[in-house]
Amino acid sequence: MKITSLSLAVIVLVLGVYGLVTDNYVAMPYLELFAGLLFLVLGLIQFHENRKVIGIFLLVVSGFSLFVSIVGLM
């Protein structure tokens, strides 16, 4: 799980830097998608460590972020 969260964080960072450097925001829905997946993995990690409140919060944020990215891709 930690390797997955680290790789998703690197992907989000690379897409964010790409958007800022090139002023090309075509990749923003993909950034939102990977950020939502990152929040999902982080929420599952928090549940595994018995931190229920922040786990629920991260899962809600993940759901919203995934919804926004799916709508943005359409």
Protein backbone atom coordinates (compact mmCIF):
# COMPACT_ATOMS: atom_id res chain seq x y z
CA MET A 1 0.00 0.00 0.00
CA LYS A 2 2.81 2.41 0.79
CA ILE A 3 4.50 1.75 -2.56
CA THR A 4 1.17 2.37 -4.31
CA SER A 5 0.63 5.64 -2.47
CA LEU A 6 4.19 6.76 -3.22
CA SER A 7 3.87 5.98 -6.92
CA LEU A 8 0.49 7.76 -7.13
CA ALA A 9 1.97 10.77 -5.33
CA VAL A 10 4.82 10.92 -7.84
CA ILE A 11 2.34 10.74 -10.75
CA VAL A 12 0.24 13.55 -9.25
CA LEU A 13 3.36 15.64 -8.67
CA VAL A 14 4.62 15.13 -12.23
CA LEU A 15 1.24 16.00 -13.77
CA GLY A 16 0.93 19.08 -11.57
CA VAL A 17 4.40 20.34 -12.42
CA TYR A 18 3.77 19.65 -16.12
CA GLY A 19 0.59 21.75 -16.00
CA LEU A 20 2.31 24.62 -14.20
CA VAL A 21 5.43 24.70 -16.36
CA THR A 22 3.74 24.42 -19.75
CA ASP A 23 0.50 26.33 -18.95
CA ASN A 24 -1.25 23.41 -20.67
CA TYR A 25 -4.10 22.19 -18.50
CA VAL A 26 -5.28 19.36 -20.74
CA ALA A 27 -3.95 16.81 -18.24
CA MET A 28 -5.96 18.20 -15.29
CA PRO A 29 -8.70 15.54 -15.42
CA TYR A 30 -5.97 12.90 -15.23
CA LEU A 31 -4.41 14.76 -12.33
CA GLU A 32 -7.77 14.70 -10.55
CA LEU A 33 -8.17 10.99 -11.31
CA PHE A 34 -4.79 10.07 -9.85
CA ALA A 35 -5.33 12.41 -6.89
CA GLY A 36 -8.63 10.66 -6.19
CA LEU A 37 -6.92 7.30 -6.35
CA LEU A 38 -4.21 8.60 -4.03
CA PHE A 39 -6.82 9.78 -1.53
CA LEU A 40 -8.53 6.40 -1.77
CA VAL A 41 -5.32 4.53 -0.98
CA LEU A 42 -4.47 6.93 1.84
CA GLY A 43 -7.96 6.48 3.29
CA LEU A 44 -7.56 2.70 3.22
CA ILE A 45 -4.20 3.01 4.95
CA GLN A 46 -5.78 5.15 7.65
CA PHE A 47 -8.53 2.58 8.17
CA HIS A 48 -5.89 -0.12 8.46
CA GLU A 49 -4.13 1.92 11.16
CA ASN A 50 -7.47 2.35 13.05
CA ARG A 51 -7.78 6.08 12.36
CA LYS A 52 -11.42 5.96 11.34
CA VAL A 53 -12.29 9.69 11.22
CA ILE A 54 -9.52 10.74 8.86
CA GLY A 55 -10.07 7.54 6.86
CA ILE A 56 -13.73 8.44 6.30
CA PHE A 57 -12.76 12.00 5.39
CA LEU A 58 -10.21 10.79 2.83
CA LEU A 59 -12.72 8.38 1.32
CA VAL A 60 -15.27 11.19 0.92
CA VAL A 61 -12.63 13.44 -0.67
CA SER A 62 -11.64 10.54 -2.91
CA GLY A 63 -15.22 10.02 -4.06
CA PHE A 64 -15.62 13.71 -4.88
CA SER A 65 -12.29 13.88 -6.69
CA LEU A 66 -13.05 10.77 -8.74
CA PHE A 67 -16.49 12.16 -9.63
CA VAL A 68 -14.98 15.46 -10.79
CA SER A 69 -12.33 13.67 -12.87
CA ILE A 70 -14.85 11.37 -14.54
CA VAL A 71 -17.08 14.31 -15.42
CA GLY A 72 -14.02 16.21 -16.69
CA LEU A 73 -13.02 13.31 -18.95
CA MET A 74 -16.45 13.18 -20.60
